[in-house]
Full PDB file with SEQRES, HELIX, SHEET, SSBOND, CRYST1, ORIGX, SCALE, CONECT and MASTER records, all heavy atoms in Angstrom:
SEQRES   1 A   43  GLY VAL ASN SER SER VAL LEU ARG GLN SER PRO ASP ALA          
SEQRES   2 A   43  SER ILE ARG LEU VAL ALA GLU LEU GLN ALA ARG ILE ALA          
SEQRES   3 A   43  ALA GLN ASP ILE LYS LEU THR SER LEU ARG GLY PHE LEU          
SEQRES   4 A   43  ALA GLU SER ALA                                              
HELIX    1 AA1 SER A    4  GLN A    9  1                                   6    
HELIX    2 AA2 ASP A   12  LEU A   35  1                                  24    
CRYST1    1.000    1.000    1.000  90.00  90.00  90.00 P 1           1          
ORIGX1      1.000000  0.000000  0.000000        0.00000                         
ORIGX2      0.000000  1.000000  0.000000        0.00000                         
ORIGX3      0.000000  0.000000  1.000000        0.00000                         
SCALE1      1.000000  0.000000  0.000000        0.00000                         
SCALE2      0.000000  1.000000  0.000000        0.00000                         
SCALE3      0.000000  0.000000  1.000000        0.00000                         
ATOM      1  N   GLY A   1      16.674   9.280  15.178  1.00  0.00           N  
ATOM      2  CA  GLY A   1      16.409   9.669  16.555  1.00  0.00           C  
ATOM      3  C   GLY A   1      14.939   9.560  16.877  1.00  0.00           C  
ATOM      4  O   GLY A   1      14.093   9.315  16.018  1.00  0.00           O  
ATOM      5  N   VAL A   2      14.617   9.776  18.137  1.00  0.00           N  
ATOM      6  CA  VAL A   2      13.241   9.683  18.614  1.00  0.00           C  
ATOM      7  C   VAL A   2      12.764  11.075  18.961  1.00  0.00           C  
ATOM      8  O   VAL A   2      13.332  11.758  19.810  1.00  0.00           O  
ATOM      9  CB  VAL A   2      13.133   8.755  19.833  1.00  0.00           C  
ATOM     10  CG1 VAL A   2      11.693   8.686  20.327  1.00  0.00           C  
ATOM     11  CG2 VAL A   2      13.649   7.371  19.496  1.00  0.00           C  
ATOM     12  N   ASN A   3      11.713  11.512  18.318  1.00  0.00           N  
ATOM     13  CA  ASN A   3      11.139  12.841  18.534  1.00  0.00           C  
ATOM     14  C   ASN A   3       9.965  12.700  19.497  1.00  0.00           C  
ATOM     15  O   ASN A   3       9.068  11.895  19.280  1.00  0.00           O  
ATOM     16  CB  ASN A   3      10.667  13.422  17.200  1.00  0.00           C  
ATOM     17  CG  ASN A   3      10.297  14.902  17.343  1.00  0.00           C  
ATOM     18  OD1 ASN A   3       9.396  15.244  18.091  1.00  0.00           O  
ATOM     19  ND2 ASN A   3      11.022  15.722  16.594  1.00  0.00           N  
ATOM     20  N   SER A   4       9.990  13.504  20.561  1.00  0.00           N  
ATOM     21  CA  SER A   4       8.955  13.377  21.595  1.00  0.00           C  
ATOM     22  C   SER A   4       7.574  13.720  21.069  1.00  0.00           C  
ATOM     23  O   SER A   4       6.578  13.095  21.440  1.00  0.00           O  
ATOM     24  CB  SER A   4       9.298  14.268  22.793  1.00  0.00           C  
ATOM     25  OG  SER A   4       9.398  15.635  22.369  1.00  0.00           O  
ATOM     26  N   SER A   5       7.494  14.723  20.176  1.00  0.00           N  
ATOM     27  CA  SER A   5       6.175  15.089  19.640  1.00  0.00           C  
ATOM     28  C   SER A   5       5.600  13.992  18.760  1.00  0.00           C  
ATOM     29  O   SER A   5       4.390  13.751  18.748  1.00  0.00           O  
ATOM     30  CB  SER A   5       6.285  16.398  18.837  1.00  0.00           C  
ATOM     31  OG  SER A   5       7.163  16.211  17.719  1.00  0.00           O  
ATOM     32  N   VAL A   6       6.478  13.287  18.067  1.00  0.00           N  
ATOM     33  CA  VAL A   6       6.017  12.181  17.217  1.00  0.00           C  
ATOM     34  C   VAL A   6       5.529  11.023  18.071  1.00  0.00           C  
ATOM     35  O   VAL A   6       4.530  10.364  17.763  1.00  0.00           O  
ATOM     36  CB  VAL A   6       7.143  11.728  16.281  1.00  0.00           C  
ATOM     37  CG1 VAL A   6       6.725  10.489  15.481  1.00  0.00           C  
ATOM     38  CG2 VAL A   6       7.514  12.852  15.329  1.00  0.00           C  
ATOM     39  N   LEU A   7       6.251  10.779  19.177  1.00  0.00           N  
ATOM     40  CA  LEU A   7       5.819   9.700  20.048  1.00  0.00           C  
ATOM     41  C   LEU A   7       4.451   9.975  20.647  1.00  0.00           C  
ATOM     42  O   LEU A   7       3.663   9.074  20.877  1.00  0.00           O  
ATOM     43  CB  LEU A   7       6.853   9.497  21.173  1.00  0.00           C  
ATOM     44  CG  LEU A   7       8.210   8.942  20.741  1.00  0.00           C  
ATOM     45  CD1 LEU A   7       9.153   8.865  21.956  1.00  0.00           C  
ATOM     46  CD2 LEU A   7       8.041   7.567  20.118  1.00  0.00           C  
ATOM     47  N   ARG A   8       4.167  11.269  20.921  1.00  0.00           N  
ATOM     48  CA  ARG A   8       2.854  11.595  21.466  1.00  0.00           C  
ATOM     49  C   ARG A   8       1.745  11.346  20.457  1.00  0.00           C  
ATOM     50  O   ARG A   8       0.590  11.112  20.803  1.00  0.00           O  
ATOM     51  CB  ARG A   8       2.835  13.059  21.923  1.00  0.00           C  
ATOM     52  CG  ARG A   8       3.607  13.306  23.209  1.00  0.00           C  
ATOM     53  CD  ARG A   8       3.261  14.673  23.775  1.00  0.00           C  
ATOM     54  NE  ARG A   8       3.607  15.753  22.856  1.00  0.00           N  
ATOM     55  CZ  ARG A   8       4.807  16.357  22.857  1.00  0.00           C  
ATOM     56  NH1 ARG A   8       5.739  15.966  23.716  1.00  0.00           N  
ATOM     57  NH2 ARG A   8       5.064  17.335  22.021  1.00  0.00           N  
ATOM     58  N   GLN A   9       2.084  11.382  19.139  1.00  0.00           N  
ATOM     59  CA  GLN A   9       1.064  11.146  18.117  1.00  0.00           C  
ATOM     60  C   GLN A   9       0.662   9.670  18.045  1.00  0.00           C  
ATOM     61  O   GLN A   9      -0.374   9.333  17.478  1.00  0.00           O  
ATOM     62  CB  GLN A   9       1.588  11.556  16.732  1.00  0.00           C  
ATOM     63  CG  GLN A   9       1.829  13.052  16.605  1.00  0.00           C  
ATOM     64  CD  GLN A   9       2.386  13.395  15.249  1.00  0.00           C  
ATOM     65  OE1 GLN A   9       2.377  12.574  14.333  1.00  0.00           O  
ATOM     66  NE2 GLN A   9       2.885  14.619  15.114  1.00  0.00           N  
ATOM     67  N   SER A  10       1.445   8.747  18.601  1.00  0.00           N  
ATOM     68  CA  SER A  10       1.194   7.298  18.558  1.00  0.00           C  
ATOM     69  C   SER A  10       0.880   6.861  17.132  1.00  0.00           C  
ATOM     70  O   SER A  10      -0.251   6.483  16.825  1.00  0.00           O  
ATOM     71  CB  SER A  10       0.037   6.926  19.498  1.00  0.00           C  
ATOM     72  OG  SER A  10      -0.141   5.534  19.512  1.00  0.00           O  
ATOM     73  N   PRO A  11       1.841   6.936  16.226  1.00  0.00           N  
ATOM     74  CA  PRO A  11       1.563   6.711  14.799  1.00  0.00           C  
ATOM     75  C   PRO A  11       1.472   5.236  14.400  1.00  0.00           C  
ATOM     76  O   PRO A  11       1.296   4.934  13.237  1.00  0.00           O  
ATOM     77  CB  PRO A  11       2.782   7.345  14.124  1.00  0.00           C  
ATOM     78  CG  PRO A  11       3.890   7.089  15.111  1.00  0.00           C  
ATOM     79  CD  PRO A  11       3.272   7.197  16.471  1.00  0.00           C  
ATOM     80  N   ASP A  12       1.569   4.301  15.349  1.00  0.00           N  
ATOM     81  CA  ASP A  12       1.666   2.894  14.986  1.00  0.00           C  
ATOM     82  C   ASP A  12       0.474   2.429  14.153  1.00  0.00           C  
ATOM     83  O   ASP A  12       0.645   1.808  13.100  1.00  0.00           O  
ATOM     84  CB  ASP A  12       1.780   2.037  16.255  1.00  0.00           C  
ATOM     85  CG  ASP A  12       2.031   0.577  15.928  1.00  0.00           C  
ATOM     86  OD1 ASP A  12       3.144   0.257  15.495  1.00  0.00           O  
ATOM     87  OD2 ASP A  12       1.092  -0.224  16.095  1.00  0.00           O  
ATOM     88  N   ALA A  13      -0.742   2.722  14.594  1.00  0.00           N  
ATOM     89  CA  ALA A  13      -1.943   2.238  13.893  1.00  0.00           C  
ATOM     90  C   ALA A  13      -2.042   2.822  12.495  1.00  0.00           C  
ATOM     91  O   ALA A  13      -2.285   2.115  11.503  1.00  0.00           O  
ATOM     92  CB  ALA A  13      -3.191   2.562  14.702  1.00  0.00           C  
ATOM     93  N   SER A  14      -1.857   4.124  12.370  1.00  0.00           N  
ATOM     94  CA  SER A  14      -1.979   4.760  11.059  1.00  0.00           C  
ATOM     95  C   SER A  14      -0.856   4.338  10.128  1.00  0.00           C  
ATOM     96  O   SER A  14      -1.065   4.144   8.920  1.00  0.00           O  
ATOM     97  CB  SER A  14      -1.985   6.288  11.228  1.00  0.00           C  
ATOM     98  OG  SER A  14      -0.789   6.720  11.865  1.00  0.00           O  
ATOM     99  N   ILE A  15       0.330   4.148  10.673  1.00  0.00           N  
ATOM    100  CA  ILE A  15       1.453   3.721   9.838  1.00  0.00           C  
ATOM    101  C   ILE A  15       1.229   2.302   9.329  1.00  0.00           C  
ATOM    102  O   ILE A  15       1.523   1.963   8.172  1.00  0.00           O  
ATOM    103  CB  ILE A  15       2.766   3.830  10.617  1.00  0.00           C  
ATOM    104  CG1 ILE A  15       3.111   5.301  10.866  1.00  0.00           C  
ATOM    105  CG2 ILE A  15       3.899   3.156   9.855  1.00  0.00           C  
ATOM    106  CD1 ILE A  15       3.307   6.102   9.601  1.00  0.00           C  
ATOM    107  N   ARG A  16       0.696   1.428  10.195  1.00  0.00           N  
ATOM    108  CA  ARG A  16       0.384   0.059   9.757  1.00  0.00           C  
ATOM    109  C   ARG A  16      -0.657   0.067   8.649  1.00  0.00           C  
ATOM    110  O   ARG A  16      -0.582  -0.724   7.703  1.00  0.00           O  
ATOM    111  CB  ARG A  16      -0.100  -0.783  10.935  1.00  0.00           C  
ATOM    112  CG  ARG A  16       0.999  -1.234  11.863  1.00  0.00           C  
ATOM    113  CD  ARG A  16       0.480  -2.203  12.922  1.00  0.00           C  
ATOM    114  NE  ARG A  16       1.553  -2.664  13.780  1.00  0.00           N  
ATOM    115  CZ  ARG A  16       2.365  -3.669  13.490  1.00  0.00           C  
ATOM    116  NH1 ARG A  16       2.227  -4.323  12.346  1.00  0.00           N  
ATOM    117  NH2 ARG A  16       3.319  -4.037  14.320  1.00  0.00           N  
ATOM    118  N   LEU A  17      -1.640   0.963   8.780  1.00  0.00           N  
ATOM    119  CA  LEU A  17      -2.655   1.059   7.731  1.00  0.00           C  
ATOM    120  C   LEU A  17      -2.032   1.478   6.405  1.00  0.00           C  
ATOM    121  O   LEU A  17      -2.344   0.927   5.347  1.00  0.00           O  
ATOM    122  CB  LEU A  17      -3.743   2.059   8.144  1.00  0.00           C  
ATOM    123  CG  LEU A  17      -4.823   2.341   7.096  1.00  0.00           C  
ATOM    124  CD1 LEU A  17      -5.587   1.072   6.749  1.00  0.00           C  
ATOM    125  CD2 LEU A  17      -5.776   3.428   7.589  1.00  0.00           C  
ATOM    126  N   VAL A  18      -1.130   2.439   6.455  1.00  0.00           N  
ATOM    127  CA  VAL A  18      -0.454   2.879   5.230  1.00  0.00           C  
ATOM    128  C   VAL A  18       0.360   1.742   4.628  1.00  0.00           C  
ATOM    129  O   VAL A  18       0.348   1.513   3.403  1.00  0.00           O  
ATOM    130  CB  VAL A  18       0.440   4.091   5.535  1.00  0.00           C  
ATOM    131  CG1 VAL A  18       1.334   4.423   4.331  1.00  0.00           C  
ATOM    132  CG2 VAL A  18      -0.408   5.300   5.898  1.00  0.00           C  
ATOM    133  N   ALA A  19       1.062   0.994   5.478  1.00  0.00           N  
ATOM    134  CA  ALA A  19       1.879  -0.118   4.976  1.00  0.00           C  
ATOM    135  C   ALA A  19       1.002  -1.188   4.328  1.00  0.00           C  
ATOM    136  O   ALA A  19       1.349  -1.741   3.272  1.00  0.00           O  
ATOM    137  CB  ALA A  19       2.692  -0.719   6.122  1.00  0.00           C  
ATOM    138  N   GLU A  20      -0.132  -1.492   4.960  1.00  0.00           N  
ATOM    139  CA  GLU A  20      -1.023  -2.498   4.377  1.00  0.00           C  
ATOM    140  C   GLU A  20      -1.596  -2.034   3.046  1.00  0.00           C  
ATOM    141  O   GLU A  20      -1.713  -2.819   2.098  1.00  0.00           O  
ATOM    142  CB  GLU A  20      -2.155  -2.810   5.364  1.00  0.00           C  
ATOM    143  CG  GLU A  20      -1.684  -3.551   6.604  1.00  0.00           C  
ATOM    144  CD  GLU A  20      -2.810  -3.762   7.599  1.00  0.00           C  
ATOM    145  OE1 GLU A  20      -3.941  -3.300   7.304  1.00  0.00           O  
ATOM    146  OE2 GLU A  20      -2.564  -4.375   8.659  1.00  0.00           O  
ATOM    147  N   LEU A  21      -1.965  -0.756   2.971  1.00  0.00           N  
ATOM    148  CA  LEU A  21      -2.483  -0.230   1.707  1.00  0.00           C  
ATOM    149  C   LEU A  21      -1.413  -0.274   0.616  1.00  0.00           C  
ATOM    150  O   LEU A  21      -1.702  -0.587  -0.545  1.00  0.00           O  
ATOM    151  CB  LEU A  21      -2.991   1.204   1.905  1.00  0.00           C  
ATOM    152  CG  LEU A  21      -4.292   1.350   2.696  1.00  0.00           C  
ATOM    153  CD1 LEU A  21      -4.589   2.820   2.956  1.00  0.00           C  
ATOM    154  CD2 LEU A  21      -5.448   0.712   1.932  1.00  0.00           C  
ATOM    155  N   GLN A  22      -0.192   0.024   0.969  1.00  0.00           N  
ATOM    156  CA  GLN A  22       0.883  -0.041  -0.020  1.00  0.00           C  
ATOM    157  C   GLN A  22       1.080  -1.481  -0.512  1.00  0.00           C  
ATOM    158  O   GLN A  22       1.304  -1.702  -1.710  1.00  0.00           O  
ATOM    159  CB  GLN A  22       2.178   0.498   0.586  1.00  0.00           C  
ATOM    160  CG  GLN A  22       2.188   2.005   0.789  1.00  0.00           C  
ATOM    161  CD  GLN A  22       3.441   2.485   1.479  1.00  0.00           C  
ATOM    162  OE1 GLN A  22       4.102   1.725   2.186  1.00  0.00           O  
ATOM    163  NE2 GLN A  22       3.780   3.762   1.291  1.00  0.00           N  
ATOM    164  N   ALA A  23       0.985  -2.444   0.384  1.00  0.00           N  
ATOM    165  CA  ALA A  23       1.129  -3.839  -0.022  1.00  0.00           C  
ATOM    166  C   ALA A  23      -0.012  -4.273  -0.940  1.00  0.00           C  
ATOM    167  O   ALA A  23       0.194  -4.984  -1.927  1.00  0.00           O  
ATOM    168  CB  ALA A  23       1.186  -4.735   1.218  1.00  0.00           C  
ATOM    169  N   ARG A  24      -1.226  -3.840  -0.627  1.00  0.00           N  
ATOM    170  CA  ARG A  24      -2.373  -4.191  -1.470  1.00  0.00           C  
ATOM    171  C   ARG A  24      -2.267  -3.541  -2.844  1.00  0.00           C  
ATOM    172  O   ARG A  24      -2.634  -4.142  -3.861  1.00  0.00           O  
ATOM    173  CB  ARG A  24      -3.671  -3.768  -0.781  1.00  0.00           C  
ATOM    174  CG  ARG A  24      -3.992  -4.571   0.463  1.00  0.00           C  
ATOM    175  CD  ARG A  24      -5.225  -4.059   1.163  1.00  0.00           C  
ATOM    176  NE  ARG A  24      -6.405  -4.165   0.305  1.00  0.00           N  
ATOM    177  CZ  ARG A  24      -7.606  -3.713   0.644  1.00  0.00           C  
ATOM    178  NH1 ARG A  24      -7.783  -3.110   1.818  1.00  0.00           N  
ATOM    179  NH2 ARG A  24      -8.635  -3.869  -0.184  1.00  0.00           N  
ATOM    180  N   ILE A  25      -1.757  -2.330  -2.888  1.00  0.00           N  
ATOM    181  CA  ILE A  25      -1.564  -1.672  -4.185  1.00  0.00           C  
ATOM    182  C   ILE A  25      -0.506  -2.403  -5.005  1.00  0.00           C  
ATOM    183  O   ILE A  25      -0.653  -2.583  -6.225  1.00  0.00           O  
ATOM    184  CB  ILE A  25      -1.176  -0.194  -3.973  1.00  0.00           C  
ATOM    185  CG1 ILE A  25      -2.378   0.594  -3.435  1.00  0.00           C  
ATOM    186  CG2 ILE A  25      -0.682   0.433  -5.274  1.00  0.00           C  
ATOM    187  CD1 ILE A  25      -2.054   2.026  -3.067  1.00  0.00           C  
ATOM    188  N   ALA A  26       0.548  -2.860  -4.345  1.00  0.00           N  
ATOM    189  CA  ALA A  26       1.583  -3.622  -5.059  1.00  0.00           C  
ATOM    190  C   ALA A  26       1.000  -4.911  -5.633  1.00  0.00           C  
ATOM    191  O   ALA A  26       1.280  -5.292  -6.779  1.00  0.00           O  
ATOM    192  CB  ALA A  26       2.747  -3.937  -4.119  1.00  0.00           C  
ATOM    193  N   ALA A  27       0.141  -5.593  -4.843  1.00  0.00           N  
ATOM    194  CA  ALA A  27      -0.499  -6.814  -5.350  1.00  0.00           C  
ATOM    195  C   ALA A  27      -1.427  -6.521  -6.512  1.00  0.00           C  
ATOM    196  O   ALA A  27      -1.502  -7.273  -7.493  1.00  0.00           O  
ATOM    197  CB  ALA A  27      -1.267  -7.497  -4.219  1.00  0.00           C  
ATOM    198  N   GLN A  28      -2.145  -5.384  -6.419  1.00  0.00           N  
ATOM    199  CA  GLN A  28      -3.062  -5.028  -7.505  1.00  0.00           C  
ATOM    200  C   GLN A  28      -2.295  -4.676  -8.779  1.00  0.00           C  
ATOM    201  O   GLN A  28      -2.757  -4.947  -9.896  1.00  0.00           O  
ATOM    202  CB  GLN A  28      -3.945  -3.860  -7.068  1.00  0.00           C  
ATOM    203  CG  GLN A  28      -5.200  -3.653  -7.908  1.00  0.00           C  
ATOM    204  CD  GLN A  28      -6.217  -4.741  -7.688  1.00  0.00           C  
ATOM    205  OE1 GLN A  28      -6.052  -5.576  -6.814  1.00  0.00           O  
ATOM    206  NE2 GLN A  28      -7.253  -4.753  -8.501  1.00  0.00           N  
ATOM    207  N   ASP A  29      -1.121  -4.057  -8.626  1.00  0.00           N  
ATOM    208  CA  ASP A  29      -0.290  -3.771  -9.804  1.00  0.00           C  
ATOM    209  C   ASP A  29       0.148  -5.071 -10.483  1.00  0.00           C  
ATOM    210  O   ASP A  29       0.165  -5.166 -11.721  1.00  0.00           O  
ATOM    211  CB  ASP A  29       0.947  -2.967  -9.387  1.00  0.00           C  
ATOM    212  CG  ASP A  29       0.617  -1.500  -9.162  1.00  0.00           C  
ATOM    213  OD1 ASP A  29      -0.340  -1.013  -9.810  1.00  0.00           O  
ATOM    214  OD2 ASP A  29       1.302  -0.850  -8.357  1.00  0.00           O  
ATOM    215  N   ILE A  30       0.487  -6.090  -9.677  1.00  0.00           N  
ATOM    216  CA  ILE A  30       0.860  -7.384 -10.252  1.00  0.00           C  
ATOM    217  C   ILE A  30      -0.329  -7.992 -10.986  1.00  0.00           C  
ATOM    218  O   ILE A  30      -0.201  -8.587 -12.057  1.00  0.00           O  
ATOM    219  CB  ILE A  30       1.364  -8.326  -9.143  1.00  0.00           C  
ATOM    220  CG1 ILE A  30       2.626  -7.752  -8.495  1.00  0.00           C  
ATOM    221  CG2 ILE A  30       1.638  -9.718  -9.688  1.00  0.00           C  
ATOM    222  CD1 ILE A  30       3.120  -8.557  -7.310  1.00  0.00           C  
ATOM    223  N   LYS A  31      -1.513  -7.823 -10.418  1.00  0.00           N  
ATOM    224  CA  LYS A  31      -2.713  -8.350 -11.061  1.00  0.00           C  
ATOM    225  C   LYS A  31      -2.955  -7.673 -12.403  1.00  0.00           C  
ATOM    226  O   LYS A  31      -3.268  -8.329 -13.398  1.00  0.00           O  
ATOM    227  CB  LYS A  31      -3.923  -8.149 -10.141  1.00  0.00           C  
ATOM    228  CG  LYS A  31      -5.241  -8.626 -10.753  1.00  0.00           C  
ATOM    229  CD  LYS A  31      -6.391  -8.433  -9.794  1.00  0.00           C  
ATOM    230  CE  LYS A  31      -7.703  -8.887 -10.432  1.00  0.00           C  
ATOM    231  NZ  LYS A  31      -8.843  -8.722  -9.498  1.00  0.00           N  
ATOM    232  N   LEU A  32      -2.813  -6.351 -12.454  1.00  0.00           N  
ATOM    233  CA  LEU A  32      -2.999  -5.642 -13.719  1.00  0.00           C  
ATOM    234  C   LEU A  32      -1.979  -6.096 -14.759  1.00  0.00           C  
ATOM    235  O   LEU A  32      -2.307  -6.267 -15.939  1.00  0.00           O  
ATOM    236  CB  LEU A  32      -2.883  -4.128 -13.487  1.00  0.00           C  
ATOM    237  CG  LEU A  32      -4.115  -3.418 -12.929  1.00  0.00           C  
ATOM    238  CD1 LEU A  32      -3.794  -1.962 -12.613  1.00  0.00           C  
ATOM    239  CD2 LEU A  32      -5.267  -3.502 -13.915  1.00  0.00           C  
ATOM    240  N   THR A  33      -0.754  -6.300 -14.327  1.00  0.00           N  
ATOM    241  CA  THR A  33       0.270  -6.772 -15.261  1.00  0.00           C  
ATOM    242  C   THR A  33      -0.082  -8.148 -15.815  1.00  0.00           C  
ATOM    243  O   THR A  33       0.088  -8.435 -17.002  1.00  0.00           O  
ATOM    244  CB  THR A  33       1.636  -6.826 -14.555  1.00  0.00           C  
ATOM    245  OG1 THR A  33       1.954  -5.531 -14.041  1.00  0.00           O  
ATOM    246  CG2 THR A  33       2.720  -7.263 -15.528  1.00  0.00           C  
ATOM    247  N   SER A  34      -0.617  -9.021 -14.960  1.00  0.00           N  
ATOM    248  CA  SER A  34      -1.018 -10.350 -15.421  1.00  0.00           C  
ATOM    249  C   SER A  34      -2.209 -10.285 -16.363  1.00  0.00           C  
ATOM    250  O   SER A  34      -2.266 -10.993 -17.364  1.00  0.00           O  
ATOM    251  CB  SER A  34      -1.354 -11.239 -14.212  1.00  0.00           C  
ATOM    252  OG  SER A  34      -0.251 -11.335 -13.346  1.00  0.00           O  
ATOM    253  N   LEU A  35      -3.163  -9.413 -16.052  1.00  0.00           N  
ATOM    254  CA  LEU A  35      -4.351  -9.300 -16.902  1.00  0.00           C  
ATOM    255  C   LEU A  35      -4.003  -8.797 -18.295  1.00  0.00           C  
ATOM    256  O   LEU A  35      -4.654  -9.162 -19.276  1.00  0.00           O  
ATOM    257  CB  LEU A  35      -5.376  -8.367 -16.254  1.00  0.00           C  
ATOM    258  CG  LEU A  35      -6.113  -8.912 -15.021  1.00  0.00           C  
ATOM    259  CD1 LEU A  35      -7.013  -7.832 -14.427  1.00  0.00           C  
ATOM    260  CD2 LEU A  35      -6.944 -10.139 -15.387  1.00  0.00           C  
ATOM    261  N   ARG A  36      -2.998  -7.955 -18.397  1.00  0.00           N  
ATOM    262  CA  ARG A  36      -2.612  -7.447 -19.720  1.00  0.00           C  
ATOM    263  C   ARG A  36      -2.116  -8.560 -20.633  1.00  0.00           C  
ATOM    264  O   ARG A  36      -2.108  -8.416 -21.846  1.00  0.00           O  
ATOM    265  CB  ARG A  36      -1.519  -6.383 -19.568  1.00  0.00           C  
ATOM    266  CG  ARG A  36      -2.018  -5.036 -19.076  1.00  0.00           C  
ATOM    267  CD  ARG A  36      -0.946  -3.962 -19.203  1.00  0.00           C  
ATOM    268  NE  ARG A  36      -1.437  -2.673 -18.770  1.00  0.00           N  
ATOM    269  CZ  ARG A  36      -1.282  -2.190 -17.538  1.00  0.00           C  
ATOM    270  NH1 ARG A  36      -0.649  -2.913 -16.627  1.00  0.00           N  
ATOM    271  NH2 ARG A  36      -1.759  -1.001 -17.216  1.00  0.00           N  
ATOM    272  N   GLY A  37      -1.720  -9.685 -20.044  1.00  0.00           N  
ATOM    273  CA  GLY A  37      -1.230 -10.791 -20.858  1.00  0.00           C  
ATOM    274  C   GLY A  37      -2.309 -11.494 -21.651  1.00  0.00           C  
ATOM    275  O   GLY A  37      -2.029 -12.088 -22.694  1.00  0.00           O  
ATOM    276  N   PHE A  38      -3.579 -11.455 -21.165  1.00  0.00           N  
ATOM    277  CA  PHE A  38      -4.621 -12.188 -21.878  1.00  0.00           C  
ATOM    278  C   PHE A  38      -5.940 -11.433 -21.971  1.00  0.00           C  
ATOM    279  O   PHE A  38      -6.927 -11.983 -22.447  1.00  0.00           O  
ATOM    280  CB  PHE A  38      -4.879 -13.547 -21.200  1.00  0.00           C  
ATOM    281  CG  PHE A  38      -5.247 -13.462 -19.752  1.00  0.00           C  
ATOM    282  CD1 PHE A  38      -6.564 -13.377 -19.357  1.00  0.00           C  
ATOM    283  CD2 PHE A  38      -4.263 -13.467 -18.790  1.00  0.00           C  
ATOM    284  CE1 PHE A  38      -6.901 -13.306 -18.026  1.00  0.00           C  
ATOM    285  CE2 PHE A  38      -4.590 -13.405 -17.444  1.00  0.00           C  
ATOM    286  CZ  PHE A  38      -5.906 -13.323 -17.064  1.00  0.00           C  
ATOM    287  N   LEU A  39      -5.985 -10.170 -21.548  1.00  0.00           N  
ATOM    288  CA  LEU A  39      -7.201  -9.373 -21.650  1.00  0.00           C  
ATOM    289  C   LEU A  39      -6.888  -8.016 -22.261  1.00  0.00           C  
ATOM    290  O   LEU A  39      -5.811  -7.454 -22.048  1.00  0.00           O  
ATOM    291  CB  LEU A  39      -7.848  -9.166 -20.271  1.00  0.00           C  
ATOM    292  CG  LEU A  39      -8.552 -10.358 -19.613  1.00  0.00           C  
ATOM    293  CD1 LEU A  39      -9.120  -9.934 -18.271  1.00  0.00           C  
ATOM    294  CD2 LEU A  39      -9.658 -10.905 -20.497  1.00  0.00           C  
ATOM    295  N   ALA A  40      -7.836  -7.497 -23.018  1.00  0.00           N  
ATOM    296  CA  ALA A  40      -7.710  -6.140 -23.545  1.00  0.00           C  
ATOM    297  C   ALA A  40      -8.065  -5.141 -22.448  1.00  0.00           C  
ATOM    298  O   ALA A  40      -8.776  -5.463 -21.490  1.00  0.00           O  
ATOM    299  CB  ALA A  40      -8.623  -5.951 -24.755  1.00  0.00           C  
ATOM    300  N   GLU A  41      -7.575  -3.915 -22.596  1.00  0.00           N  
ATOM    301  CA  GLU A  41      -7.836  -2.918 -21.568  1.00  0.00           C  
ATOM    302  C   GLU A  41      -9.299  -2.520 -21.513  1.00  0.00           C  
ATOM    303  O   GLU A  41      -9.747  -1.919 -20.534  1.00  0.00           O  
ATOM    304  CB  GLU A  41      -6.965  -1.683 -21.823  1.00  0.00           C  
ATOM    305  CG  GLU A  41      -5.471  -1.953 -21.668  1.00  0.00           C  
ATOM    306  CD  GLU A  41      -4.654  -0.689 -21.736  1.00  0.00           C  
ATOM    307  OE1 GLU A  41      -5.259   0.399 -21.872  1.00  0.00           O  
ATOM    308  OE2 GLU A  41      -3.414  -0.772 -21.630  1.00  0.00           O  
ATOM    309  N   SER A  42     -10.065  -2.852 -22.557  1.00  0.00           N  
ATOM    310  CA  SER A  42     -11.496  -2.555 -22.557  1.00  0.00           C  
ATOM    311  C   SER A  42     -12.324  -3.652 -21.900  1.00  0.00           C  
ATOM    312  O   SER A  42     -13.540  -3.509 -21.766  1.00  0.00           O  
ATOM    313  CB  SER A  42     -11.983  -2.346 -23.997  1.00  0.00           C  
ATOM    314  OG  SER A  42     -11.729  -3.507 -24.782  1.00  0.00           O  
ATOM    315  N   ALA A  43     -11.693  -4.755 -21.498  1.00  0.00           N  
ATOM    316  CA  ALA A  43     -12.423  -5.866 -20.889  1.00  0.00           C  
ATOM    317  C   ALA A  43     -12.967  -5.453 -19.524  1.00  0.00           C  
ATOM    318  O   ALA A  43     -12.346  -4.671 -18.803  1.00  0.00           O  
ATOM    319  CB  ALA A  43     -11.516  -7.081 -20.752  1.00  0.00           C  
TER     320      ALA A  43                                                      
MASTER        0    0    0    2    0    0    0    6  319    1    0    4          
END                                                                             
């Protein structure tokens, strides 16, 4: 449903920021997984 108080908060910008940060974290997790294949954790 649509909550009137939530609509007044206009969450679009902040929600997009959260979504983008989540996507960047997912990409960084993939990078860490790849680095473990040929680098030591002390590198």
